[in-house]
Amino acid sequence: MTSTNDKLLDAKPTEFDVRRAIRAGDGVIAYYNDQLLALPAVSKALGEPDGFARVRAIGIGGTPPEGAQSRNIYLLVRDHAVYRWIEMQAFDVQNVCVEGKRES
């Protein structure tokens, strides 16, 4: 994810909702250790005073529809000291590759 609007969507997805949406779209969930993401308005709504959201995971669906200018993504963020999933609009619509090769 390289760009997102600084606005929370009304949806409040559960872990089950996120995993179901990601599986349905052949997407991926990437995990982080409280990665800081500059979102001044969202972080304020989440109770973070420094302008950064603390991200534990990002769920990105598979390939967006042809000609799409944005897509919704899921972020597992700290919200007033409790982690929960939020949904946001992202403008990075490149394909997500979920295939890989294990290297020893």
PDB file of N, CA and C in Angstrom:
ATOM      1  N   MET A   1       0.845  -1.173   0.000  1.00  0.00           N
ATOM      2  CA  MET A   1       0.000   0.000   0.000  1.00  0.00           C
ATOM      3  C   MET A   1       0.892   1.238   0.000  1.00  0.00           C
ATOM      4  N   THR A   2       0.682   2.095  -0.960  1.00  0.00           N
ATOM      5  CA  THR A   2       1.510   3.294  -1.023  1.00  0.00           C
ATOM      6  C   THR A   2       0.725   4.569  -0.817  1.00  0.00           C
ATOM      7  N   SER A   3      -0.581   4.525  -0.954  1.00  0.00           N
ATOM      8  CA  SER A   3      -1.353   5.752  -0.751  1.00  0.00           C
ATOM      9  C   SER A   3      -2.772   5.407  -0.308  1.00  0.00           C
ATOM     10  N   THR A   4      -3.278   6.181   0.606  1.00  0.00           N
ATOM     11  CA  THR A   4      -4.643   6.000   1.090  1.00  0.00           C
ATOM     12  C   THR A   4      -5.183   7.362   1.482  1.00  0.00           C
ATOM     13  N   ASN A   5      -6.508   7.481   1.461  1.00  0.00           N
ATOM     14  CA  ASN A   5      -7.057   8.742   1.953  1.00  0.00           C
ATOM     15  C   ASN A   5      -7.010   8.708   3.477  1.00  0.00           C
ATOM     16  N   ASP A   6      -6.982   9.837   4.094  1.00  0.00           N
ATOM     17  CA  ASP A   6      -6.860   9.947   5.553  1.00  0.00           C
ATOM     18  C   ASP A   6      -8.259  10.043   6.149  1.00  0.00           C
ATOM     19  N   LYS A   7      -9.060   9.001   5.899  1.00  0.00           N
ATOM     20  CA  LYS A   7     -10.461   9.016   6.336  1.00  0.00           C
ATOM     21  C   LYS A   7     -10.910   7.596   6.646  1.00  0.00           C
ATOM     22  N   LEU A   8     -11.509   7.425   7.814  1.00  0.00           N
ATOM     23  CA  LEU A   8     -12.064   6.123   8.173  1.00  0.00           C
ATOM     24  C   LEU A   8     -13.365   5.888   7.422  1.00  0.00           C
ATOM     25  N   LEU A   9     -13.541   4.674   6.928  1.00  0.00           N
ATOM     26  CA  LEU A   9     -14.829   4.301   6.353  1.00  0.00           C
ATOM     27  C   LEU A   9     -15.741   3.871   7.489  1.00  0.00           C
ATOM     28  N   ASP A  10     -17.031   3.886   7.242  1.00  0.00           N
ATOM     29  CA  ASP A  10     -17.992   3.543   8.292  1.00  0.00           C
ATOM     30  C   ASP A  10     -17.948   2.070   8.694  1.00  0.00           C
ATOM     31  N   ALA A  11     -17.488   1.221   7.779  1.00  0.00           N
ATOM     32  CA  ALA A  11     -17.465  -0.220   8.062  1.00  0.00           C
ATOM     33  C   ALA A  11     -16.562  -0.526   9.250  1.00  0.00           C
ATOM     34  N   LYS A  12     -16.988  -1.461  10.081  1.00  0.00           N
ATOM     35  CA  LYS A  12     -16.196  -1.936  11.212  1.00  0.00           C
ATOM     36  C   LYS A  12     -16.082  -3.457  11.091  1.00  0.00           C
ATOM     37  N   PRO A  13     -15.185  -3.918  10.201  1.00  0.00           N
ATOM     38  CA  PRO A  13     -15.099  -5.352   9.950  1.00  0.00           C
ATOM     39  C   PRO A  13     -14.507  -6.122  11.132  1.00  0.00           C
ATOM     40  N   THR A  14     -14.957  -7.349  11.258  1.00  0.00           N
ATOM     41  CA  THR A  14     -14.393  -8.261  12.256  1.00  0.00           C
ATOM     42  C   THR A  14     -13.253  -9.042  11.601  1.00  0.00           C
ATOM     43  N   GLU A  15     -12.501  -9.765  12.388  1.00  0.00           N
ATOM     44  CA  GLU A  15     -11.437 -10.628  11.857  1.00  0.00           C
ATOM     45  C   GLU A  15     -12.024 -11.603  10.831  1.00  0.00           C
ATOM     46  N   PHE A  16     -13.183 -12.169  11.143  1.00  0.00           N
ATOM     47  CA  PHE A  16     -13.851 -13.109  10.232  1.00  0.00           C
ATOM     48  C   PHE A  16     -14.181 -12.423   8.909  1.00  0.00           C
ATOM     49  N   ASP A  17     -14.743 -11.209   8.973  1.00  0.00           N
ATOM     50  CA  ASP A  17     -15.095 -10.461   7.761  1.00  0.00           C
ATOM     51  C   ASP A  17     -13.868 -10.221   6.884  1.00  0.00           C
ATOM     52  N   VAL A  18     -12.785  -9.814   7.503  1.00  0.00           N
ATOM     53  CA  VAL A  18     -11.563  -9.513   6.757  1.00  0.00           C
ATOM     54  C   VAL A  18     -11.031 -10.767   6.079  1.00  0.00           C
ATOM     55  N   ARG A  19     -10.916 -11.848   6.818  1.00  0.00           N
ATOM     56  CA  ARG A  19     -10.379 -13.091   6.248  1.00  0.00           C
ATOM     57  C   ARG A  19     -11.270 -13.622   5.125  1.00  0.00           C
ATOM     58  N   ARG A  20     -12.567 -13.523   5.288  1.00  0.00           N
ATOM     59  CA  ARG A  20     -13.493 -13.964   4.240  1.00  0.00           C
ATOM     60  C   ARG A  20     -13.318 -13.121   2.978  1.00  0.00           C
ATOM     61  N   ALA A  21     -13.217 -11.808   3.121  1.00  0.00           N
ATOM     62  CA  ALA A  21     -13.043 -10.913   1.972  1.00  0.00           C
ATOM     63  C   ALA A  21     -11.712 -11.159   1.266  1.00  0.00           C
ATOM     64  N   ILE A  22     -10.664 -11.384   2.042  1.00  0.00           N
ATOM     65  CA  ILE A  22      -9.348 -11.609   1.456  1.00  0.00           C
ATOM     66  C   ILE A  22      -9.318 -12.939   0.707  1.00  0.00           C
ATOM     67  N   ARG A  23      -9.888 -13.980   1.284  1.00  0.00           N
ATOM     68  CA  ARG A  23      -9.936 -15.283   0.609  1.00  0.00           C
ATOM     69  C   ARG A  23     -10.747 -15.212  -0.677  1.00  0.00           C
ATOM     70  N   ALA A  24     -11.852 -14.513  -0.637  1.00  0.00           N
ATOM     71  CA  ALA A  24     -12.728 -14.414  -1.807  1.00  0.00           C
ATOM     72  C   ALA A  24     -12.031 -13.706  -2.966  1.00  0.00           C
ATOM     73  N   GLY A  25     -11.133 -12.799  -2.661  1.00  0.00           N
ATOM     74  CA  GLY A  25     -10.444 -12.048  -3.711  1.00  0.00           C
ATOM     75  C   GLY A  25      -9.032 -12.507  -3.977  1.00  0.00           C
ATOM     76  N   ASP A  26      -8.647 -13.671  -3.448  1.00  0.00           N
ATOM     77  CA  ASP A  26      -7.277 -14.169  -3.604  1.00  0.00           C
ATOM     78  C   ASP A  26      -6.242 -13.131  -3.197  1.00  0.00           C
ATOM     79  N   GLY A  27      -6.478 -12.466  -2.093  1.00  0.00           N
ATOM     80  CA  GLY A  27      -5.564 -11.438  -1.611  1.00  0.00           C
ATOM     81  C   GLY A  27      -4.605 -11.964  -0.572  1.00  0.00           C
ATOM     82  N   VAL A  28      -4.005 -11.044   0.163  1.00  0.00           N
ATOM     83  CA  VAL A  28      -3.017 -11.399   1.176  1.00  0.00           C
ATOM     84  C   VAL A  28      -3.209 -10.541   2.420  1.00  0.00           C
ATOM     85  N   ILE A  29      -2.716 -11.057   3.544  1.00  0.00           N
ATOM     86  CA  ILE A  29      -2.620 -10.285   4.775  1.00  0.00           C
ATOM     87  C   ILE A  29      -1.145 -10.256   5.143  1.00  0.00           C
ATOM     88  N   ALA A  30      -0.610  -9.058   5.296  1.00  0.00           N
ATOM     89  CA  ALA A  30       0.791  -8.881   5.689  1.00  0.00           C
ATOM     90  C   ALA A  30       0.816  -8.414   7.138  1.00  0.00           C
ATOM     91  N   TYR A  31       1.739  -8.943   7.929  1.00  0.00           N
ATOM     92  CA  TYR A  31       1.824  -8.626   9.349  1.00  0.00           C
ATOM     93  C   TYR A  31       3.039  -7.766   9.650  1.00  0.00           C
ATOM     94  N   TYR A  32       2.872  -6.854  10.591  1.00  0.00           N
ATOM     95  CA  TYR A  32       3.919  -5.921  10.985  1.00  0.00           C
ATOM     96  C   TYR A  32       3.975  -5.834  12.509  1.00  0.00           C
ATOM     97  N   ASN A  33       5.026  -5.212  13.013  1.00  0.00           N
ATOM     98  CA  ASN A  33       5.173  -4.995  14.440  1.00  0.00           C
ATOM     99  C   ASN A  33       4.940  -3.511  14.726  1.00  0.00           C
ATOM    100  N   ASP A  34       3.683  -3.111  14.730  1.00  0.00           N
ATOM    101  CA  ASP A  34       3.302  -1.711  14.964  1.00  0.00           C
ATOM    102  C   ASP A  34       4.001  -0.750  14.013  1.00  0.00           C
ATOM    103  N   GLN A  35       3.901  -1.044  12.723  1.00  0.00           N
ATOM    104  CA  GLN A  35       4.450  -0.162  11.694  1.00  0.00           C
ATOM    105  C   GLN A  35       3.747   1.184  11.770  1.00  0.00           C
ATOM    106  N   LEU A  36       4.505   2.268  11.779  1.00  0.00           N
ATOM    107  CA  LEU A  36       3.919   3.603  11.823  1.00  0.00           C
ATOM    108  C   LEU A  36       3.494   4.016  10.419  1.00  0.00           C
ATOM    109  N   LEU A  37       2.255   4.467  10.300  1.00  0.00           N
ATOM    110  CA  LEU A  37       1.706   4.924   9.022  1.00  0.00           C
ATOM    111  C   LEU A  37       1.164   6.329   9.226  1.00  0.00           C
ATOM    112  N   ALA A  38       1.685   7.290   8.472  1.00  0.00           N
ATOM    113  CA  ALA A  38       1.282   8.688   8.625  1.00  0.00           C
ATOM    114  C   ALA A  38      -0.155   8.881   8.151  1.00  0.00           C
ATOM    115  N   LEU A  39      -1.061   9.051   9.090  1.00  0.00           N
ATOM    116  CA  LEU A  39      -2.478   9.313   8.839  1.00  0.00           C
ATOM    117  C   LEU A  39      -2.959  10.278   9.913  1.00  0.00           C
ATOM    118  N   PRO A  40      -2.714  11.580   9.755  1.00  0.00           N
ATOM    119  CA  PRO A  40      -3.026  12.540  10.823  1.00  0.00           C
ATOM    120  C   PRO A  40      -4.476  12.512  11.315  1.00  0.00           C
ATOM    121  N   ALA A  41      -5.442  12.506  10.420  1.00  0.00           N
ATOM    122  CA  ALA A  41      -6.853  12.537  10.843  1.00  0.00           C
ATOM    123  C   ALA A  41      -7.290  11.207  11.449  1.00  0.00           C
ATOM    124  N   VAL A  42      -6.928  10.116  10.791  1.00  0.00           N
ATOM    125  CA  VAL A  42      -7.311   8.792  11.294  1.00  0.00           C
ATOM    126  C   VAL A  42      -6.651   8.520  12.638  1.00  0.00           C
ATOM    127  N   SER A  43      -5.364   8.834  12.755  1.00  0.00           N
ATOM    128  CA  SER A  43      -4.673   8.554  14.017  1.00  0.00           C
ATOM    129  C   SER A  43      -5.291   9.339  15.170  1.00  0.00           C
ATOM    130  N   LYS A  44      -5.737  10.560  14.909  1.00  0.00           N
ATOM    131  CA  LYS A  44      -6.406  11.343  15.954  1.00  0.00           C
ATOM    132  C   LYS A  44      -7.693  10.648  16.402  1.00  0.00           C
ATOM    133  N   ALA A  45      -8.460  10.132  15.429  1.00  0.00           N
ATOM    134  CA  ALA A  45      -9.690   9.408  15.755  1.00  0.00           C
ATOM    135  C   ALA A  45      -9.401   8.119  16.522  1.00  0.00           C
ATOM    136  N   LEU A  46      -8.209   7.553  16.317  1.00  0.00           N
ATOM    137  CA  LEU A  46      -7.811   6.322  17.001  1.00  0.00           C
ATOM    138  C   LEU A  46      -7.149   6.584  18.353  1.00  0.00           C
ATOM    139  N   GLY A  47      -6.997   7.856  18.716  1.00  0.00           N
ATOM    140  CA  GLY A  47      -6.403   8.186  20.008  1.00  0.00           C
ATOM    141  C   GLY A  47      -4.893   8.282  20.006  1.00  0.00           C
ATOM    142  N   GLU A  48      -4.290   8.426  18.833  1.00  0.00           N
ATOM    143  CA  GLU A  48      -2.837   8.556  18.726  1.00  0.00           C
ATOM    144  C   GLU A  48      -2.492  10.043  18.585  1.00  0.00           C
ATOM    145  N   PRO A  49      -1.708  10.601  19.486  1.00  0.00           N
ATOM    146  CA  PRO A  49      -1.436  12.039  19.481  1.00  0.00           C
ATOM    147  C   PRO A  49      -0.373  12.502  18.480  1.00  0.00           C
ATOM    148  N   ASP A  50       0.373  11.573  17.881  1.00  0.00           N
ATOM    149  CA  ASP A  50       1.512  11.978  17.063  1.00  0.00           C
ATOM    150  C   ASP A  50       1.276  11.958  15.549  1.00  0.00           C
ATOM    151  N   GLY A  51       0.056  11.654  15.096  1.00  0.00           N
ATOM    152  CA  GLY A  51      -0.238  11.653  13.661  1.00  0.00           C
ATOM    153  C   GLY A  51       0.046  10.348  12.948  1.00  0.00           C
ATOM    154  N   PHE A  52       0.422   9.313  13.700  1.00  0.00           N
ATOM    155  CA  PHE A  52       0.726   8.016  13.095  1.00  0.00           C
ATOM    156  C   PHE A  52      -0.197   6.931  13.623  1.00  0.00           C
ATOM    157  N   ALA A  53      -0.742   6.118  12.722  1.00  0.00           N
ATOM    158  CA  ALA A  53      -1.495   4.933  13.107  1.00  0.00           C
ATOM    159  C   ALA A  53      -0.487   3.808  13.324  1.00  0.00           C
ATOM    160  N   ARG A  54      -0.744   2.944  14.288  1.00  0.00           N
ATOM    161  CA  ARG A  54       0.105   1.776  14.555  1.00  0.00           C
ATOM    162  C   ARG A  54      -0.529   0.580  13.866  1.00  0.00           C
ATOM    163  N   VAL A  55       0.125   0.056  12.834  1.00  0.00           N
ATOM    164  CA  VAL A  55      -0.437  -1.004  12.001  1.00  0.00           C
ATOM    165  C   VAL A  55       0.178  -2.340  12.359  1.00  0.00           C
ATOM    166  N   ARG A  56      -0.661  -3.305  12.683  1.00  0.00           N
ATOM    167  CA  ARG A  56      -0.214  -4.676  12.955  1.00  0.00           C
ATOM    168  C   ARG A  56      -0.368  -5.564  11.732  1.00  0.00           C
ATOM    169  N   ALA A  57      -1.365  -5.262  10.882  1.00  0.00           N
ATOM    170  CA  ALA A  57      -1.589  -6.081   9.688  1.00  0.00           C
ATOM    171  C   ALA A  57      -2.322  -5.254   8.641  1.00  0.00           C
ATOM    172  N   ILE A  58      -2.100  -5.626   7.384  1.00  0.00           N
ATOM    173  CA  ILE A  58      -2.812  -5.023   6.264  1.00  0.00           C
ATOM    174  C   ILE A  58      -3.386  -6.158   5.434  1.00  0.00           C
ATOM    175  N   GLY A  59      -4.680  -6.087   5.149  1.00  0.00           N
ATOM    176  CA  GLY A  59      -5.342  -7.051   4.281  1.00  0.00           C
ATOM    177  C   GLY A  59      -5.661  -6.387   2.958  1.00  0.00           C
ATOM    178  N   ILE A  60      -5.126  -6.963   1.880  1.00  0.00           N
ATOM    179  CA  ILE A  60      -5.326  -6.411   0.544  1.00  0.00           C
ATOM    180  C   ILE A  60      -5.937  -7.495  -0.325  1.00  0.00           C
ATOM    181  N   GLY A  61      -7.061  -7.173  -0.960  1.00  0.00           N
ATOM    182  CA  GLY A  61      -7.709  -8.123  -1.861  1.00  0.00           C
ATOM    183  C   GLY A  61      -6.859  -8.354  -3.098  1.00  0.00           C
ATOM    184  N   GLY A  62      -7.309  -9.253  -3.939  1.00  0.00           N
ATOM    185  CA  GLY A  62      -6.584  -9.576  -5.166  1.00  0.00           C
ATOM    186  C   GLY A  62      -6.646  -8.456  -6.186  1.00  0.00           C
ATOM    187  N   THR A  63      -6.555  -8.806  -7.430  1.00  0.00           N
ATOM    188  CA  THR A  63      -6.527  -7.838  -8.515  1.00  0.00           C
ATOM    189  C   THR A  63      -7.814  -7.023  -8.550  1.00  0.00           C
ATOM    190  N   PRO A  64      -7.701  -5.699  -8.543  1.00  0.00           N
ATOM    191  CA  PRO A  64      -8.906  -4.865  -8.603  1.00  0.00           C
ATOM    192  C   PRO A  64      -9.522  -4.929 -10.003  1.00  0.00           C
ATOM    193  N   PRO A  65     -10.794  -4.553 -10.126  1.00  0.00           N
ATOM    194  CA  PRO A  65     -11.441  -4.576 -11.440  1.00  0.00           C
ATOM    195  C   PRO A  65     -10.706  -3.686 -12.448  1.00  0.00           C
ATOM    196  N   GLU A  66     -10.799  -4.055 -13.718  1.00  0.00           N
ATOM    197  CA  GLU A  66     -10.166  -3.273 -14.791  1.00  0.00           C
ATOM    198  C   GLU A  66     -10.611  -1.815 -14.715  1.00  0.00           C
ATOM    199  N   GLY A  67      -9.651  -0.907 -14.742  1.00  0.00           N
ATOM    200  CA  GLY A  67      -9.948   0.522 -14.732  1.00  0.00           C
ATOM    201  C   GLY A  67     -10.229   1.118 -13.367  1.00  0.00           C
ATOM    202  N   ALA A  68     -10.111   0.317 -12.303  1.00  0.00           N
ATOM    203  CA  ALA A  68     -10.386   0.819 -10.954  1.00  0.00           C
ATOM    204  C   ALA A  68      -9.352   1.876 -10.562  1.00  0.00           C
ATOM    205  N   GLN A  69      -9.801   2.930  -9.930  1.00  0.00           N
ATOM    206  CA  GLN A  69      -8.915   3.997  -9.461  1.00  0.00           C
ATOM    207  C   GLN A  69      -8.546   3.827  -7.988  1.00  0.00           C
ATOM    208  N   SER A  70      -9.301   2.981  -7.283  1.00  0.00           N
ATOM    209  CA  SER A  70      -9.034   2.737  -5.864  1.00  0.00           C
ATOM    210  C   SER A  70      -9.608   1.383  -5.484  1.00  0.00           C
ATOM    211  N   ARG A  71      -9.288   0.955  -4.286  1.00  0.00           N
ATOM    212  CA  ARG A  71      -9.880  -0.262  -3.727  1.00  0.00           C
ATOM    213  C   ARG A  71      -9.864  -0.138  -2.218  1.00  0.00           C
ATOM    214  N   ASN A  72     -10.715  -0.886  -1.568  1.00  0.00           N
ATOM    215  CA  ASN A  72     -10.748  -0.873  -0.117  1.00  0.00           C
ATOM    216  C   ASN A  72      -9.735  -1.879   0.417  1.00  0.00           C
ATOM    217  N   ILE A  73      -9.070  -1.491   1.494  1.00  0.00           N
ATOM    218  CA  ILE A  73      -8.109  -2.350   2.170  1.00  0.00           C
ATOM    219  C   ILE A  73      -8.485  -2.392   3.648  1.00  0.00           C
ATOM    220  N   TYR A  74      -7.905  -3.344   4.357  1.00  0.00           N
ATOM    221  CA  TYR A  74      -8.166  -3.500   5.784  1.00  0.00           C
ATOM    222  C   TYR A  74      -6.867  -3.309   6.545  1.00  0.00           C
ATOM    223  N   LEU A  75      -6.944  -2.572   7.642  1.00  0.00           N
ATOM    224  CA  LEU A  75      -5.787  -2.355   8.499  1.00  0.00           C
ATOM    225  C   LEU A  75      -6.128  -2.793   9.914  1.00  0.00           C
ATOM    226  N   LEU A  76      -5.253  -3.565  10.535  1.00  0.00           N
ATOM    227  CA  LEU A  76      -5.384  -3.895  11.949  1.00  0.00           C
ATOM    228  C   LEU A  76      -4.567  -2.854  12.696  1.00  0.00           C
ATOM    229  N   VAL A  77      -5.246  -1.931  13.374  1.00  0.00           N
ATOM    230  CA  VAL A  77      -4.588  -0.788  14.004  1.00  0.00           C
ATOM    231  C   VAL A  77      -4.943  -0.704  15.484  1.00  0.00           C
ATOM    232  N   ARG A  78      -4.107   0.038  16.207  1.00  0.00           N
ATOM    233  CA  ARG A  78      -4.386   0.304  17.620  1.00  0.00           C
ATOM    234  C   ARG A  78      -5.413   1.421  17.699  1.00  0.00           C
ATOM    235  N   ASP A  79      -6.515   1.132  18.369  1.00  0.00           N
ATOM    236  CA  ASP A  79      -7.609   2.093  18.538  1.00  0.00           C
ATOM    237  C   ASP A  79      -7.833   2.276  20.032  1.00  0.00           C
ATOM    238  N   HIS A  80      -7.311   3.364  20.571  1.00  0.00           N
ATOM    239  CA  HIS A  80      -7.401   3.636  22.010  1.00  0.00           C
ATOM    240  C   HIS A  80      -6.917   2.426  22.823  1.00  0.00           C
ATOM    241  N   ALA A  81      -5.723   1.950  22.460  1.00  0.00           N
ATOM    242  CA  ALA A  81      -5.010   0.866  23.150  1.00  0.00           C
ATOM    243  C   ALA A  81      -5.562  -0.531  22.876  1.00  0.00           C
ATOM    244  N   VAL A  82      -6.563  -0.681  22.004  1.00  0.00           N
ATOM    245  CA  VAL A  82      -7.112  -1.986  21.642  1.00  0.00           C
ATOM    246  C   VAL A  82      -6.976  -2.140  20.126  1.00  0.00           C
ATOM    247  N   TYR A  83      -6.503  -3.294  19.687  1.00  0.00           N
ATOM    248  CA  TYR A  83      -6.339  -3.500  18.245  1.00  0.00           C
ATOM    249  C   TYR A  83      -7.654  -3.949  17.626  1.00  0.00           C
ATOM    250  N   ARG A  84      -7.988  -3.318  16.479  1.00  0.00           N
ATOM    251  CA  ARG A  84      -9.190  -3.690  15.739  1.00  0.00           C
ATOM    252  C   ARG A  84      -8.961  -3.413  14.264  1.00  0.00           C
ATOM    253  N   TRP A  85      -9.770  -4.066  13.444  1.00  0.00           N
ATOM    254  CA  TRP A  85      -9.686  -3.877  12.001  1.00  0.00           C
ATOM    255  C   TRP A  85     -10.477  -2.640  11.604  1.00  0.00           C
ATOM    256  N   ILE A  86      -9.902  -1.866  10.659  1.00  0.00           N
ATOM    257  CA  ILE A  86     -10.617  -0.751  10.053  1.00  0.00           C
ATOM    258  C   ILE A  86     -10.530  -0.933   8.540  1.00  0.00           C
ATOM    259  N   GLU A  87     -11.420  -0.290   7.840  1.00  0.00           N
ATOM    260  CA  GLU A  87     -11.413  -0.343   6.384  1.00  0.00           C
ATOM    261  C   GLU A  87     -11.103   1.051   5.855  1.00  0.00           C
ATOM    262  N   MET A  88     -10.247   1.108   4.844  1.00  0.00           N
ATOM    263  CA  MET A  88      -9.871   2.393   4.252  1.00  0.00           C
ATOM    264  C   MET A  88      -9.835   2.255   2.737  1.00  0.00           C
ATOM    265  N   GLN A  89      -9.841   3.386   2.057  1.00  0.00           N
ATOM    266  CA  GLN A  89      -9.739   3.413   0.602  1.00  0.00           C
ATOM    267  C   GLN A  89      -8.284   3.667   0.219  1.00  0.00           C
ATOM    268  N   ALA A  90      -7.735   2.803  -0.627  1.00  0.00           N
ATOM    269  CA  ALA A  90      -6.359   2.944  -1.092  1.00  0.00           C
ATOM    270  C   ALA A  90      -6.351   3.221  -2.589  1.00  0.00           C
ATOM    271  N   PHE A  91      -5.377   3.997  -3.004  1.00  0.00           N
ATOM    272  CA  PHE A  91      -5.280   4.373  -4.407  1.00  0.00           C
ATOM    273  C   PHE A  91      -4.160   3.650  -5.132  1.00  0.00           C
ATOM    274  N   ASP A  92      -3.514   2.724  -4.468  1.00  0.00           N
ATOM    275  CA  ASP A  92      -2.492   1.880  -5.070  1.00  0.00           C
ATOM    276  C   ASP A  92      -3.216   0.641  -5.569  1.00  0.00           C
ATOM    277  N   VAL A  93      -3.401   0.519  -6.857  1.00  0.00           N
ATOM    278  CA  VAL A  93      -4.192  -0.592  -7.387  1.00  0.00           C
ATOM    279  C   VAL A  93      -3.343  -1.601  -8.156  1.00  0.00           C
ATOM    280  N   GLN A  94      -2.040  -1.676  -7.831  1.00  0.00           N
ATOM    281  CA  GLN A  94      -1.211  -2.682  -8.489  1.00  0.00           C
ATOM    282  C   GLN A  94      -1.642  -4.073  -8.042  1.00  0.00           C
ATOM    283  N   ASN A  95      -1.320  -5.062  -8.838  1.00  0.00           N
ATOM    284  CA  ASN A  95      -1.677  -6.438  -8.525  1.00  0.00           C
ATOM    285  C   ASN A  95      -0.912  -6.921  -7.294  1.00  0.00           C
ATOM    286  N   VAL A  96      -1.527  -7.825  -6.554  1.00  0.00           N
ATOM    287  CA  VAL A  96      -0.896  -8.447  -5.405  1.00  0.00           C
ATOM    288  C   VAL A  96      -0.519  -9.860  -5.793  1.00  0.00           C
ATOM    289  N   CYS A  97       0.736 -10.195  -5.636  1.00  0.00           N
ATOM    290  CA  CYS A  97       1.210 -11.542  -5.981  1.00  0.00           C
ATOM    291  C   CYS A  97       1.215 -12.389  -4.717  1.00  0.00           C
ATOM    292  N   VAL A  98       0.512 -13.504  -4.753  1.00  0.00           N
ATOM    293  CA  VAL A  98       0.480 -14.387  -3.583  1.00  0.00           C
ATOM    294  C   VAL A  98       1.238 -15.681  -3.858  1.00  0.00           C
ATOM    295  N   GLU A  99       1.955 -15.728  -4.968  1.00  0.00           N
ATOM    296  CA  GLU A  99       2.758 -16.892  -5.277  1.00  0.00           C
ATOM    297  C   GLU A  99       4.207 -16.584  -4.951  1.00  0.00           C
ATOM    298  N   GLY A 100       4.904 -17.585  -4.525  1.00  0.00           N
ATOM    299  CA  GLY A 100       6.296 -17.364  -4.188  1.00  0.00           C
ATOM    300  C   GLY A 100       7.066 -18.659  -4.248  1.00  0.00           C
ATOM    301  N   LYS A 101       8.328 -18.569  -4.026  1.00  0.00           N
ATOM    302  CA  LYS A 101       9.197 -19.725  -4.050  1.00  0.00           C
ATOM    303  C   LYS A 101      10.019 -19.721  -2.772  1.00  0.00           C
ATOM    304  N   ARG A 102       9.997 -20.810  -2.054  1.00  0.00           N
ATOM    305  CA  ARG A 102      10.775 -20.916  -0.826  1.00  0.00           C
ATOM    306  C   ARG A 102      12.243 -21.100  -1.158  1.00  0.00           C
ATOM    307  N   GLU A 103      13.065 -20.303  -0.531  1.00  0.00           N
ATOM    308  CA  GLU A 103      14.498 -20.400  -0.750  1.00  0.00           C
ATOM    309  C   GLU A 103      15.158 -20.883   0.528  1.00  0.00           C
ATOM    310  N   SER A 104      16.118 -21.821   0.410  1.00  0.00           N
ATOM    311  CA  SER A 104      16.766 -22.313   1.612  1.00  0.00           C
ATOM    312  C   SER A 104      17.939 -21.478   1.997  1.00  0.00           C
TER     313      SER A 104
END
